[in-house]
Structure formats: structure tokens, C-alpha cells
Amino acid sequence: MSEKWTEENIPDQAGRVVLITGANSGIGYEAARALAQHGATVVMACRSRAKAEDAVARIGETAPSGTTEILEMDLSDLDSVKQAAAEFLSTHDHLDVLINNAGLMATPEQRTAQGFEMQFGVNHLGHYVLTGLLLDVLKDTPGSRIVSISSQGHRPGKINFDDLNSEKSYSPWPAYFQSKLANLLFTRELQRRLADAGDDVIAVAAHPGGTSTNLGSESPPGILYKTMQLSRPVLEIMMQNAAMGALPTLRAATDPDVAGGDYFGPDGLGEQRGHPVKRGMSGRARDDDDARRLWTASEELTGMTYEF
């Protein structure tokens, strides 16, 4: 693969349908914009219709050759995820790329509608269910991909199988790290199952490095939140903008040379900035036993069983 991959490397996306969760801001928005500019039909799955409408208007100002659509969906409520998936399937007969992008970081202790710890529920379980609901249409679409967005936060992450939903104790950052590690274990186990079944779909992952977005704005109004707000001006000098942060996502979604299980991140020091290249995962992210164990736990928690 060539170095210094940019938006100019995105192949023509005319006729392709891409669904992106959390597409109204940050790297999700920049990915939606770039794909629409290259001809794709971009379905922007967002919790807030008002914010999605504003994002659609901003993309429209760039004169894209593709189109954008809004799909209301709240990943913290599996009933909303199921309703949104049914709505998508009623209007689309193919799906070329599913980008599991939406996420929360270091939030106060909260529960989803089904009682899951919020970060694990939104970042992992919501996307696990969404992917399962859309798997058939993905399998029916030649060359389709599932792209899950992780983070460098996966490296300190550990899956606490004895307390997946932080019912015994809760800490914002370990819960976030666990959810980002779960994204990679999910990707690897999904790719293994797809390959074993001989399916054409591939599962890949990406991370944006150090990117200035609104992620983390949901943090509690305590010392953690205050520290993040005070340090943000300094951190933003060191970070890249959201358009650069979206490049690993875009490469994972569109580069014809991508293979199942690939993981993309910035090429700079510490994977914090730069252009997207293939990157390695932590040892815990490559633990096949944990990947299978997490898959089983996800089935049991959500009631969603994939058919391969």
C-alpha cells in the first residue's frame, strides 16, 4: 500500500451505499462528507435529527456528487437500533459499507435503556446488534465491508468478564478502554466467522489517533471534566483536525487493497497524527479466546445471534 494516503485516493463511490453511525460530528461527519463528495449515498445514523439536519446542510454546501440521508437511531436503546435497521432495510436493497463510528468517552456512570453500562452498551453492544441486523444485506452486497472505529485507548483496556456492565464498581476511563478493546475483539471474531463461512464480507477497524473532536464532552462536571476542559487548548495544538482523523476510517472503508482484519491508524509518532497506514493491535486485542468469550457474552446480553 502506498504511503501518504489522502481523500484524493478514495475511489469513485457512485452507486455505493454507506451507513455511518454518529455521522453528525467529528470524524463521522468528515467521513460522511468525503464519501458524499465521491459519489456515495451516505446514510447518516444519528441520535439527534436536528444535529443530523445541520450536518446534511453543511455537506450540501460542498456540492457533493452523492447524496445524504438521515436515519434516526439511538445506540443506547436496542429497540431504537432495531427500528432504525428495519427502516433502512425497507428502503435499501444493498449496503456496501457499514461504519460503526459513534461512541462515548469517559462518561459519568449511566445505564442504557436495557440496563447496560453506557459506554460498553453504546460503543460495543449497540453496534454488535446493528451489525447483526444488517448482516444479511451486507452478505448480499458484493465486496461489502464492516468498519469498526476503535482507539489507542484499547491498549490499556481489559475485558472484565466478571463485571462487564460495571455493576460492582465503575470508573469512567477503564470502562471506555474496555469498550474500545471490545471493538477490536469484535472485529477479529467477526472476521474469523465470516471467513470460516466463506462469506464475501470483510470486517476491518481503524482509529483516528489524537484528533480534536467533541468526544469526551459528556464527561461529568467534576475534576475529570474540568481537567479535560482546561487542558483542551493545549491538547488541540498537538492534535490533528477531524478531517485528518477521518482518513484511517476512509481508507479502511474504500481502499481496494484492504483485507479482512486490517487495522488502520496514523503513521506519525505514537500513532497520534499523520496519514493512514496499517497498524498493529495490542496483545489483548489479539486474544482469540477472549474474542470468542466476548462474542458469547454479547449474544447472551442482547439476544442477538448472527447467522453465518
C-alpha atoms as a PDB file:
ATOM      1  CA  MET A   1       0.000   0.000   0.000  1.00  0.00           C
ATOM      2  CA  SER A   2       1.269   3.466  -0.864  1.00  0.00           C
ATOM      3  CA  GLU A   3       2.113   5.976   1.839  1.00  0.00           C
ATOM      4  CA  LYS A   4       0.521   9.393   2.394  1.00  0.00           C
ATOM      5  CA  TRP A   5      -2.982   8.227   1.601  1.00  0.00           C
ATOM      6  CA  THR A   6      -5.420  11.168   1.345  1.00  0.00           C
ATOM      7  CA  GLU A   7      -9.031  11.799   0.355  1.00  0.00           C
ATOM      8  CA  GLU A   8      -7.831  12.011  -3.240  1.00  0.00           C
ATOM      9  CA  ASN A   9      -7.159   8.271  -3.072  1.00  0.00           C
ATOM     10  CA  ILE A  10     -10.832   7.456  -2.440  1.00  0.00           C
ATOM     11  CA  PRO A  11     -12.157   5.561  -5.489  1.00  0.00           C
ATOM     12  CA  ASP A  12     -15.376   6.644  -7.177  1.00  0.00           C
ATOM     13  CA  GLN A  13     -18.237   5.766  -4.816  1.00  0.00           C
ATOM     14  CA  ALA A  14     -21.116   6.280  -7.256  1.00  0.00           C
ATOM     15  CA  GLY A  15     -23.832   3.691  -6.731  1.00  0.00           C
ATOM     16  CA  ARG A  16     -22.488   2.644  -3.340  1.00  0.00           C
ATOM     17  CA  VAL A  17     -24.446   2.914  -0.083  1.00  0.00           C
ATOM     18  CA  VAL A  18     -22.596   3.658   3.168  1.00  0.00           C
ATOM     19  CA  LEU A  19     -24.205   3.767   6.615  1.00  0.00           C
ATOM     20  CA  ILE A  20     -22.273   5.710   9.280  1.00  0.00           C
ATOM     21  CA  THR A  21     -23.289   5.900  12.925  1.00  0.00           C
ATOM     22  CA  GLY A  22     -22.611   9.174  14.712  1.00  0.00           C
ATOM     23  CA  ALA A  23     -22.213  10.983  11.398  1.00  0.00           C
ATOM     24  CA  ASN A  24     -23.286  14.453  12.504  1.00  0.00           C
ATOM     25  CA  SER A  25     -19.949  15.481  14.066  1.00  0.00           C
ATOM     26  CA  GLY A  26     -16.244  14.710  14.352  1.00  0.00           C
ATOM     27  CA  ILE A  27     -14.665  12.017  12.226  1.00  0.00           C
ATOM     28  CA  GLY A  28     -18.077  10.564  11.418  1.00  0.00           C
ATOM     29  CA  TYR A  29     -19.117  13.834   9.796  1.00  0.00           C
ATOM     30  CA  GLU A  30     -15.841  14.170   7.882  1.00  0.00           C
ATOM     31  CA  ALA A  31     -16.142  10.601   6.601  1.00  0.00           C
ATOM     32  CA  ALA A  32     -19.730  11.272   5.506  1.00  0.00           C
ATOM     33  CA  ARG A  33     -18.700  14.462   3.730  1.00  0.00           C
ATOM     34  CA  ALA A  34     -15.788  12.864   1.901  1.00  0.00           C
ATOM     35  CA  LEU A  35     -17.806   9.830   0.794  1.00  0.00           C
ATOM     36  CA  ALA A  36     -20.697  12.002  -0.412  1.00  0.00           C
ATOM     37  CA  GLN A  37     -18.227  14.152  -2.330  1.00  0.00           C
ATOM     38  CA  HIS A  38     -17.015  10.990  -4.055  1.00  0.00           C
ATOM     39  CA  GLY A  39     -20.495   9.948  -5.119  1.00  0.00           C
ATOM     40  CA  ALA A  40     -21.784   7.662  -2.366  1.00  0.00           C
ATOM     41  CA  THR A  41     -25.257   7.572  -0.905  1.00  0.00           C
ATOM     42  CA  VAL A  42     -24.423   8.213   2.753  1.00  0.00           C
ATOM     43  CA  VAL A  43     -26.959   7.204   5.363  1.00  0.00           C
ATOM     44  CA  MET A  44     -26.220   9.234   8.471  1.00  0.00           C
ATOM     45  CA  ALA A  45     -27.439   7.286  11.506  1.00  0.00           C
ATOM     46  CA  CYS A  46     -27.723   9.837  14.309  1.00  0.00           C
ATOM     47  CA  ARG A  47     -29.457  10.193  17.655  1.00  0.00           C
ATOM     48  CA  SER A  48     -30.455  13.831  17.073  1.00  0.00           C
ATOM     49  CA  ARG A  49     -32.385  14.665  13.902  1.00  0.00           C
ATOM     50  CA  ALA A  50     -31.723  18.384  14.366  1.00  0.00           C
ATOM     51  CA  LYS A  51     -27.946  17.870  14.516  1.00  0.00           C
ATOM     52  CA  ALA A  52     -28.135  15.485  11.562  1.00  0.00           C
ATOM     53  CA  GLU A  53     -30.084  18.025   9.514  1.00  0.00           C
ATOM     54  CA  ASP A  54     -27.438  20.648  10.252  1.00  0.00           C
ATOM     55  CA  ALA A  55     -24.707  18.212   9.149  1.00  0.00           C
ATOM     56  CA  VAL A  56     -26.595  17.395   5.948  1.00  0.00           C
ATOM     57  CA  ALA A  57     -26.886  21.107   5.194  1.00  0.00           C
ATOM     58  CA  ARG A  58     -23.155  21.620   5.718  1.00  0.00           C
ATOM     59  CA  ILE A  59     -22.331  18.701   3.433  1.00  0.00           C
ATOM     60  CA  GLY A  60     -24.729  20.129   0.843  1.00  0.00           C
ATOM     61  CA  GLU A  61     -22.681  23.331   0.774  1.00  0.00           C
ATOM     62  CA  THR A  62     -19.702  21.313  -0.530  1.00  0.00           C
ATOM     63  CA  ALA A  63     -21.663  20.399  -3.697  1.00  0.00           C
ATOM     64  CA  PRO A  64     -21.273  16.609  -3.324  1.00  0.00           C
ATOM     65  CA  SER A  65     -21.863  14.332  -6.301  1.00  0.00           C
ATOM     66  CA  GLY A  66     -23.504  11.824  -3.958  1.00  0.00           C
ATOM     67  CA  THR A  67     -26.446  12.154  -1.595  1.00  0.00           C
ATOM     68  CA  THR A  68     -27.093  12.092   2.145  1.00  0.00           C
ATOM     69  CA  GLU A  69     -29.963  10.641   4.132  1.00  0.00           C
ATOM     70  CA  ILE A  70     -30.866  10.776   7.819  1.00  0.00           C
ATOM     71  CA  LEU A  71     -31.658   7.690   9.864  1.00  0.00           C
ATOM     72  CA  GLU A  72     -32.667   8.398  13.450  1.00  0.00           C
ATOM     73  CA  MET A  73     -31.094   5.881  15.809  1.00  0.00           C
ATOM     74  CA  ASP A  74     -30.135   5.823  19.472  1.00  0.00           C
ATOM     75  CA  LEU A  75     -27.460   3.209  20.130  1.00  0.00           C
ATOM     76  CA  SER A  76     -28.229   3.327  23.845  1.00  0.00           C
ATOM     77  CA  ASP A  77     -31.631   1.757  23.163  1.00  0.00           C
ATOM     78  CA  LEU A  78     -31.669  -1.560  21.296  1.00  0.00           C
ATOM     79  CA  ASP A  79     -35.330  -1.031  20.407  1.00  0.00           C
ATOM     80  CA  SER A  80     -34.269   2.131  18.559  1.00  0.00           C
ATOM     81  CA  VAL A  81     -31.454   0.211  16.850  1.00  0.00           C
ATOM     82  CA  LYS A  82     -33.896  -2.461  15.687  1.00  0.00           C
ATOM     83  CA  GLN A  83     -36.381   0.119  14.431  1.00  0.00           C
ATOM     84  CA  ALA A  84     -33.668   2.015  12.539  1.00  0.00           C
ATOM     85  CA  ALA A  85     -32.323  -1.169  10.949  1.00  0.00           C
ATOM     86  CA  ALA A  86     -35.835  -2.132   9.825  1.00  0.00           C
ATOM     87  CA  GLU A  87     -36.325   1.340   8.345  1.00  0.00           C
ATOM     88  CA  PHE A  88     -33.038   1.106   6.455  1.00  0.00           C
ATOM     89  CA  LEU A  89     -33.870  -2.347   5.087  1.00  0.00           C
ATOM     90  CA  SER A  90     -37.279  -1.146   3.917  1.00  0.00           C
ATOM     91  CA  THR A  91     -35.684   1.458   1.642  1.00  0.00           C
ATOM     92  CA  HIS A  92     -32.334  -0.068   0.601  1.00  0.00           C
ATOM     93  CA  ASP A  93     -31.586  -3.392  -1.076  1.00  0.00           C
ATOM     94  CA  HIS A  94     -27.810  -3.199  -0.666  1.00  0.00           C
ATOM     95  CA  LEU A  95     -25.205  -1.889   1.775  1.00  0.00           C
ATOM     96  CA  ASP A  96     -21.608  -1.574   0.667  1.00  0.00           C
ATOM     97  CA  VAL A  97     -20.060  -0.260   3.882  1.00  0.00           C
ATOM     98  CA  LEU A  98     -21.241  -0.139   7.485  1.00  0.00           C
ATOM     99  CA  ILE A  99     -19.101   2.202   9.582  1.00  0.00           C
ATOM    100  CA  ASN A 100     -19.589   1.644  13.315  1.00  0.00           C
ATOM    101  CA  ASN A 101     -18.284   5.048  14.334  1.00  0.00           C
ATOM    102  CA  ALA A 102     -20.449   6.545  17.105  1.00  0.00           C
ATOM    103  CA  GLY A 103     -19.039   6.461  20.600  1.00  0.00           C
ATOM    104  CA  LEU A 104     -18.874   7.905  24.089  1.00  0.00           C
ATOM    105  CA  MET A 105     -15.757   8.556  26.155  1.00  0.00           C
ATOM    106  CA  ALA A 106     -15.276   8.762  29.931  1.00  0.00           C
ATOM    107  CA  THR A 107     -18.918   9.466  30.712  1.00  0.00           C
ATOM    108  CA  PRO A 108     -20.470   9.560  34.170  1.00  0.00           C
ATOM    109  CA  GLU A 109     -21.984   6.282  35.291  1.00  0.00           C
ATOM    110  CA  GLN A 110     -25.166   5.749  33.315  1.00  0.00           C
ATOM    111  CA  ARG A 111     -27.282   2.873  32.031  1.00  0.00           C
ATOM    112  CA  THR A 112     -28.711   2.224  28.588  1.00  0.00           C
ATOM    113  CA  ALA A 113     -32.421   1.550  28.081  1.00  0.00           C
ATOM    114  CA  GLN A 114     -31.700  -2.168  28.535  1.00  0.00           C
ATOM    115  CA  GLY A 115     -29.585  -1.602  31.657  1.00  0.00           C
ATOM    116  CA  PHE A 116     -26.078  -1.948  30.189  1.00  0.00           C
ATOM    117  CA  GLU A 117     -23.200   0.267  31.307  1.00  0.00           C
ATOM    118  CA  MET A 118     -23.482   3.191  28.881  1.00  0.00           C
ATOM    119  CA  GLN A 119     -20.043   3.111  27.226  1.00  0.00           C
ATOM    120  CA  PHE A 120     -19.997  -0.662  26.797  1.00  0.00           C
ATOM    121  CA  GLY A 121     -23.627  -0.525  25.677  1.00  0.00           C
ATOM    122  CA  VAL A 122     -23.197   2.202  23.064  1.00  0.00           C
ATOM    123  CA  ASN A 123     -19.640   1.639  21.862  1.00  0.00           C
ATOM    124  CA  HIS A 124     -19.892  -2.145  21.630  1.00  0.00           C
ATOM    125  CA  LEU A 125     -23.286  -3.755  22.217  1.00  0.00           C
ATOM    126  CA  GLY A 126     -25.307  -1.261  20.161  1.00  0.00           C
ATOM    127  CA  HIS A 127     -23.003  -1.766  17.185  1.00  0.00           C
ATOM    128  CA  TYR A 128     -22.950  -5.530  17.741  1.00  0.00           C
ATOM    129  CA  VAL A 129     -26.738  -5.607  17.388  1.00  0.00           C
ATOM    130  CA  LEU A 130     -26.826  -3.170  14.456  1.00  0.00           C
ATOM    131  CA  THR A 131     -24.240  -5.203  12.547  1.00  0.00           C
ATOM    132  CA  GLY A 132     -26.174  -8.408  13.160  1.00  0.00           C
ATOM    133  CA  LEU A 133     -29.412  -6.860  11.902  1.00  0.00           C
ATOM    134  CA  LEU A 134     -27.720  -5.647   8.717  1.00  0.00           C
ATOM    135  CA  LEU A 135     -25.554  -8.703   8.113  1.00  0.00           C
ATOM    136  CA  ASP A 136     -27.829 -10.301   5.520  1.00  0.00           C
ATOM    137  CA  VAL A 137     -27.936  -7.215   3.297  1.00  0.00           C
ATOM    138  CA  LEU A 138     -24.167  -6.869   3.680  1.00  0.00           C
ATOM    139  CA  LYS A 139     -23.707 -10.504   2.613  1.00  0.00           C
ATOM    140  CA  ASP A 140     -25.953  -9.864  -0.392  1.00  0.00           C
ATOM    141  CA  THR A 141     -23.754  -6.922  -1.466  1.00  0.00           C
ATOM    142  CA  PRO A 142     -20.551  -7.985  -3.274  1.00  0.00           C
ATOM    143  CA  GLY A 143     -17.365  -6.645  -1.713  1.00  0.00           C
ATOM    144  CA  SER A 144     -19.057  -5.144   1.337  1.00  0.00           C
ATOM    145  CA  ARG A 145     -17.225  -4.097   4.493  1.00  0.00           C
ATOM    146  CA  ILE A 146     -17.854  -3.556   8.183  1.00  0.00           C
ATOM    147  CA  VAL A 147     -15.565  -0.888   9.645  1.00  0.00           C
ATOM    148  CA  SER A 148     -15.404  -0.502  13.424  1.00  0.00           C
ATOM    149  CA  ILE A 149     -13.733   2.538  14.978  1.00  0.00           C
ATOM    150  CA  SER A 150     -11.515   1.792  17.962  1.00  0.00           C
ATOM    151  CA  SER A 151      -8.917   3.919  19.728  1.00  0.00           C
ATOM    152  CA  GLN A 152      -5.431   3.895  21.163  1.00  0.00           C
ATOM    153  CA  GLY A 153      -7.423   3.548  24.363  1.00  0.00           C
ATOM    154  CA  HIS A 154      -7.760  -0.149  23.546  1.00  0.00           C
ATOM    155  CA  ARG A 155      -4.141  -0.672  24.604  1.00  0.00           C
ATOM    156  CA  PRO A 156      -4.643  -0.234  28.367  1.00  0.00           C
ATOM    157  CA  GLY A 157      -8.055  -1.850  28.042  1.00  0.00           C
ATOM    158  CA  LYS A 158      -9.049  -5.086  29.743  1.00  0.00           C
ATOM    159  CA  ILE A 159     -12.298  -7.010  29.402  1.00  0.00           C
ATOM    160  CA  ASN A 160     -13.709  -7.540  32.874  1.00  0.00           C
ATOM    161  CA  PHE A 161     -15.774 -10.648  32.195  1.00  0.00           C
ATOM    162  CA  ASP A 162     -16.782 -10.810  35.855  1.00  0.00           C
ATOM    163  CA  ASP A 163     -18.311  -7.329  35.666  1.00  0.00           C
ATOM    164  CA  LEU A 164     -18.848  -6.379  32.005  1.00  0.00           C
ATOM    165  CA  ASN A 165     -21.520  -3.837  32.901  1.00  0.00           C
ATOM    166  CA  SER A 166     -19.624  -2.275  35.817  1.00  0.00           C
ATOM    167  CA  GLU A 167     -22.308  -3.226  38.321  1.00  0.00           C
ATOM    168  CA  LYS A 168     -19.808  -3.957  41.091  1.00  0.00           C
ATOM    169  CA  SER A 169     -17.737  -0.833  40.527  1.00  0.00           C
ATOM    170  CA  TYR A 170     -17.463   1.897  37.896  1.00  0.00           C
ATOM    171  CA  SER A 171     -14.659   4.143  36.694  1.00  0.00           C
ATOM    172  CA  PRO A 172     -15.047   6.255  33.519  1.00  0.00           C
ATOM    173  CA  TRP A 173     -11.707   5.573  31.856  1.00  0.00           C
ATOM    174  CA  PRO A 174     -11.407   1.793  32.425  1.00  0.00           C
ATOM    175  CA  ALA A 175     -14.972   1.464  31.113  1.00  0.00           C
ATOM    176  CA  TYR A 176     -14.001   3.420  27.995  1.00  0.00           C
ATOM    177  CA  PHE A 177     -10.817   1.403  27.484  1.00  0.00           C
ATOM    178  CA  GLN A 178     -12.798  -1.832  27.820  1.00  0.00           C
ATOM    179  CA  SER A 179     -15.285  -0.699  25.166  1.00  0.00           C
ATOM    180  CA  LYS A 180     -12.528   0.201  22.696  1.00  0.00           C
ATOM    181  CA  LEU A 181     -10.809  -3.145  23.235  1.00  0.00           C
ATOM    182  CA  ALA A 182     -14.201  -4.772  22.679  1.00  0.00           C
ATOM    183  CA  ASN A 183     -14.406  -3.058  19.275  1.00  0.00           C
ATOM    184  CA  LEU A 184     -11.251  -4.846  18.123  1.00  0.00           C
ATOM    185  CA  LEU A 185     -12.117  -8.223  19.642  1.00  0.00           C
ATOM    186  CA  PHE A 186     -15.499  -7.955  17.897  1.00  0.00           C
ATOM    187  CA  THR A 187     -13.842  -7.113  14.570  1.00  0.00           C
ATOM    188  CA  ARG A 188     -11.429 -10.022  14.754  1.00  0.00           C
ATOM    189  CA  GLU A 189     -14.037 -12.573  15.811  1.00  0.00           C
ATOM    190  CA  LEU A 190     -16.495 -11.304  13.185  1.00  0.00           C
ATOM    191  CA  GLN A 191     -13.810 -11.600  10.503  1.00  0.00           C
ATOM    192  CA  ARG A 192     -12.981 -15.143  11.637  1.00  0.00           C
ATOM    193  CA  ARG A 193     -16.608 -16.217  11.452  1.00  0.00           C
ATOM    194  CA  LEU A 194     -17.169 -14.560   8.076  1.00  0.00           C
ATOM    195  CA  ALA A 195     -14.068 -16.230   6.639  1.00  0.00           C
ATOM    196  CA  ASP A 196     -14.993 -19.638   8.059  1.00  0.00           C
ATOM    197  CA  ALA A 197     -18.431 -19.327   6.454  1.00  0.00           C
ATOM    198  CA  GLY A 198     -16.925 -18.344   3.103  1.00  0.00           C
ATOM    199  CA  ASP A 199     -18.751 -15.002   3.091  1.00  0.00           C
ATOM    200  CA  ASP A 200     -17.512 -12.162   0.905  1.00  0.00           C
ATOM    201  CA  VAL A 201     -17.940  -9.513   3.611  1.00  0.00           C
ATOM    202  CA  ILE A 202     -14.806  -8.360   5.433  1.00  0.00           C
ATOM    203  CA  ALA A 203     -14.508  -6.827   8.901  1.00  0.00           C
ATOM    204  CA  VAL A 204     -11.815  -4.198   9.477  1.00  0.00           C
ATOM    205  CA  ALA A 205     -11.033  -1.489  12.009  1.00  0.00           C
ATOM    206  CA  ALA A 206      -9.454   1.934  12.327  1.00  0.00           C
ATOM    207  CA  HIS A 207      -8.518   4.542  14.907  1.00  0.00           C
ATOM    208  CA  PRO A 208      -8.177   8.325  14.446  1.00  0.00           C
ATOM    209  CA  GLY A 209      -5.132   8.967  16.613  1.00  0.00           C
ATOM    210  CA  GLY A 210      -5.137  12.250  18.514  1.00  0.00           C
ATOM    211  CA  THR A 211      -7.975  14.110  16.873  1.00  0.00           C
ATOM    212  CA  SER A 212      -9.747  17.247  18.030  1.00  0.00           C
ATOM    213  CA  THR A 213     -13.466  16.429  18.241  1.00  0.00           C
ATOM    214  CA  ASN A 214     -16.261  16.794  20.787  1.00  0.00           C
ATOM    215  CA  LEU A 215     -15.600  13.300  22.155  1.00  0.00           C
ATOM    216  CA  GLY A 216     -15.434  13.457  25.899  1.00  0.00           C
ATOM    217  CA  SER A 217     -17.832  16.381  26.211  1.00  0.00           C
ATOM    218  CA  GLU A 218     -20.222  14.091  28.081  1.00  0.00           C
ATOM    219  CA  SER A 219     -17.815  13.694  30.999  1.00  0.00           C
ATOM    220  CA  PRO A 220     -19.194  14.528  34.460  1.00  0.00           C
ATOM    221  CA  PRO A 221     -18.839  18.088  35.798  1.00  0.00           C
ATOM    222  CA  GLY A 222     -16.190  17.054  38.305  1.00  0.00           C
ATOM    223  CA  ILE A 223     -12.409  17.091  38.405  1.00  0.00           C
ATOM    224  CA  LEU A 224     -12.045  14.883  35.300  1.00  0.00           C
ATOM    225  CA  TYR A 225     -14.253  17.151  33.210  1.00  0.00           C
ATOM    226  CA  LYS A 226     -12.559  20.310  34.488  1.00  0.00           C
ATOM    227  CA  THR A 227      -9.113  18.869  33.785  1.00  0.00           C
ATOM    228  CA  MET A 228     -10.116  17.930  30.246  1.00  0.00           C
ATOM    229  CA  GLN A 229     -11.578  21.379  29.577  1.00  0.00           C
ATOM    230  CA  LEU A 230      -8.544  23.209  30.975  1.00  0.00           C
ATOM    231  CA  SER A 231      -6.113  21.062  29.001  1.00  0.00           C
ATOM    232  CA  ARG A 232      -8.108  21.086  25.744  1.00  0.00           C
ATOM    233  CA  PRO A 233      -6.477  24.265  24.271  1.00  0.00           C
ATOM    234  CA  VAL A 234      -3.018  22.739  24.798  1.00  0.00           C
ATOM    235  CA  LEU A 235      -4.061  19.326  23.556  1.00  0.00           C
ATOM    236  CA  GLU A 236      -5.642  20.781  20.420  1.00  0.00           C
ATOM    237  CA  ILE A 237      -2.281  22.244  19.405  1.00  0.00           C
ATOM    238  CA  MET A 238      -0.877  18.703  19.484  1.00  0.00           C
ATOM    239  CA  MET A 239      -3.875  17.108  17.784  1.00  0.00           C
ATOM    240  CA  GLN A 240      -4.851  16.844  14.142  1.00  0.00           C
ATOM    241  CA  ASN A 241      -8.167  18.072  12.810  1.00  0.00           C
ATOM    242  CA  ALA A 242     -11.183  15.845  12.281  1.00  0.00           C
ATOM    243  CA  ALA A 243     -10.678  15.644   8.503  1.00  0.00           C
ATOM    244  CA  MET A 244      -7.229  14.100   9.059  1.00  0.00           C
ATOM    245  CA  GLY A 245      -8.593  11.929  11.855  1.00  0.00           C
ATOM    246  CA  ALA A 246     -11.190  10.516   9.455  1.00  0.00           C
ATOM    247  CA  LEU A 247      -8.592   9.274   6.957  1.00  0.00           C
ATOM    248  CA  PRO A 248      -7.991   5.883   8.663  1.00  0.00           C
ATOM    249  CA  THR A 249     -11.764   5.298   8.572  1.00  0.00           C
ATOM    250  CA  LEU A 250     -11.938   6.283   4.916  1.00  0.00           C
ATOM    251  CA  ARG A 251      -9.018   4.099   3.932  1.00  0.00           C
ATOM    252  CA  ALA A 252     -10.461   1.108   5.778  1.00  0.00           C
ATOM    253  CA  ALA A 253     -13.793   1.732   4.043  1.00  0.00           C
ATOM    254  CA  THR A 254     -12.629   2.308   0.479  1.00  0.00           C
ATOM    255  CA  ASP A 255      -9.049   1.188  -0.283  1.00  0.00           C
ATOM    256  CA  PRO A 256      -9.342  -1.790  -2.681  1.00  0.00           C
ATOM    257  CA  ASP A 257      -6.256  -3.431  -1.139  1.00  0.00           C
ATOM    258  CA  VAL A 258      -7.730  -3.684   2.377  1.00  0.00           C
ATOM    259  CA  ALA A 259      -8.009  -7.237   3.731  1.00  0.00           C
ATOM    260  CA  GLY A 260     -10.223  -8.646   6.453  1.00  0.00           C
ATOM    261  CA  GLY A 261      -8.853  -7.997   9.925  1.00  0.00           C
ATOM    262  CA  ASP A 262      -6.734  -4.990   8.882  1.00  0.00           C
ATOM    263  CA  TYR A 263      -6.415  -2.125  11.367  1.00  0.00           C
ATOM    264  CA  PHE A 264      -5.556   1.420  10.247  1.00  0.00           C
ATOM    265  CA  GLY A 265      -4.205   4.401  12.161  1.00  0.00           C
ATOM    266  CA  PRO A 266      -2.000   7.476  11.628  1.00  0.00           C
ATOM    267  CA  ASP A 267       1.617   6.972  10.530  1.00  0.00           C
ATOM    268  CA  GLY A 268       3.133   9.573  12.882  1.00  0.00           C
ATOM    269  CA  LEU A 269       4.906   9.209  16.208  1.00  0.00           C
ATOM    270  CA  GLY A 270       2.826   7.237  18.659  1.00  0.00           C
ATOM    271  CA  GLU A 271       0.098   6.884  16.018  1.00  0.00           C
ATOM    272  CA  GLN A 272      -1.200  10.294  17.086  1.00  0.00           C
ATOM    273  CA  ARG A 273      -1.037  12.215  13.805  1.00  0.00           C
ATOM    274  CA  GLY A 274      -0.497  11.655  10.131  1.00  0.00           C
ATOM    275  CA  HIS A 275      -1.731   9.669   7.185  1.00  0.00           C
ATOM    276  CA  PRO A 276      -3.352   6.240   7.498  1.00  0.00           C
ATOM    277  CA  VAL A 277      -1.318   3.041   7.358  1.00  0.00           C
ATOM    278  CA  LYS A 278      -1.831  -0.480   8.671  1.00  0.00           C
ATOM    279  CA  ARG A 279      -1.186  -0.701  12.390  1.00  0.00           C
ATOM    280  CA  GLY A 280      -0.842  -3.432  14.974  1.00  0.00           C
ATOM    281  CA  MET A 281      -3.151  -4.212  17.873  1.00  0.00           C
ATOM    282  CA  SER A 282      -2.329  -4.934  21.487  1.00  0.00           C
ATOM    283  CA  GLY A 283      -1.806  -8.485  22.643  1.00  0.00           C
ATOM    284  CA  ARG A 284      -5.138  -8.450  24.440  1.00  0.00           C
ATOM    285  CA  ALA A 285      -6.876  -7.401  21.209  1.00  0.00           C
ATOM    286  CA  ARG A 286      -5.358 -10.461  19.527  1.00  0.00           C
ATOM    287  CA  ASP A 287      -6.535 -12.899  22.194  1.00  0.00           C
ATOM    288  CA  ASP A 288      -8.734 -15.374  20.302  1.00  0.00           C
ATOM    289  CA  ASP A 289     -10.157 -16.892  23.466  1.00  0.00           C
ATOM    290  CA  ASP A 290     -11.270 -13.507  24.763  1.00  0.00           C
ATOM    291  CA  ALA A 291     -12.750 -12.656  21.345  1.00  0.00           C
ATOM    292  CA  ARG A 292     -14.889 -15.798  21.392  1.00  0.00           C
ATOM    293  CA  ARG A 293     -15.820 -15.252  25.034  1.00  0.00           C
ATOM    294  CA  LEU A 294     -16.891 -11.653  24.371  1.00  0.00           C
ATOM    295  CA  TRP A 295     -18.952 -12.785  21.376  1.00  0.00           C
ATOM    296  CA  THR A 296     -20.804 -15.320  23.520  1.00  0.00           C
ATOM    297  CA  ALA A 297     -21.382 -12.730  26.245  1.00  0.00           C
ATOM    298  CA  SER A 298     -22.701 -10.250  23.655  1.00  0.00           C
ATOM    299  CA  GLU A 299     -25.142 -12.872  22.373  1.00  0.00           C
ATOM    300  CA  GLU A 300     -26.391 -13.580  25.868  1.00  0.00           C
ATOM    301  CA  LEU A 301     -26.711  -9.923  26.869  1.00  0.00           C
ATOM    302  CA  THR A 302     -28.533  -8.736  23.738  1.00  0.00           C
ATOM    303  CA  GLY A 303     -30.300 -11.856  22.473  1.00  0.00           C
ATOM    304  CA  MET A 304     -28.774 -11.196  19.025  1.00  0.00           C
ATOM    305  CA  THR A 305     -27.412 -14.301  17.296  1.00  0.00           C
ATOM    306  CA  TYR A 306     -25.731 -13.949  13.909  1.00  0.00           C
ATOM    307  CA  GLU A 307     -26.487 -16.366  11.075  1.00  0.00           C
ATOM    308  CA  PHE A 308     -23.431 -17.314   9.009  1.00  0.00           C
END
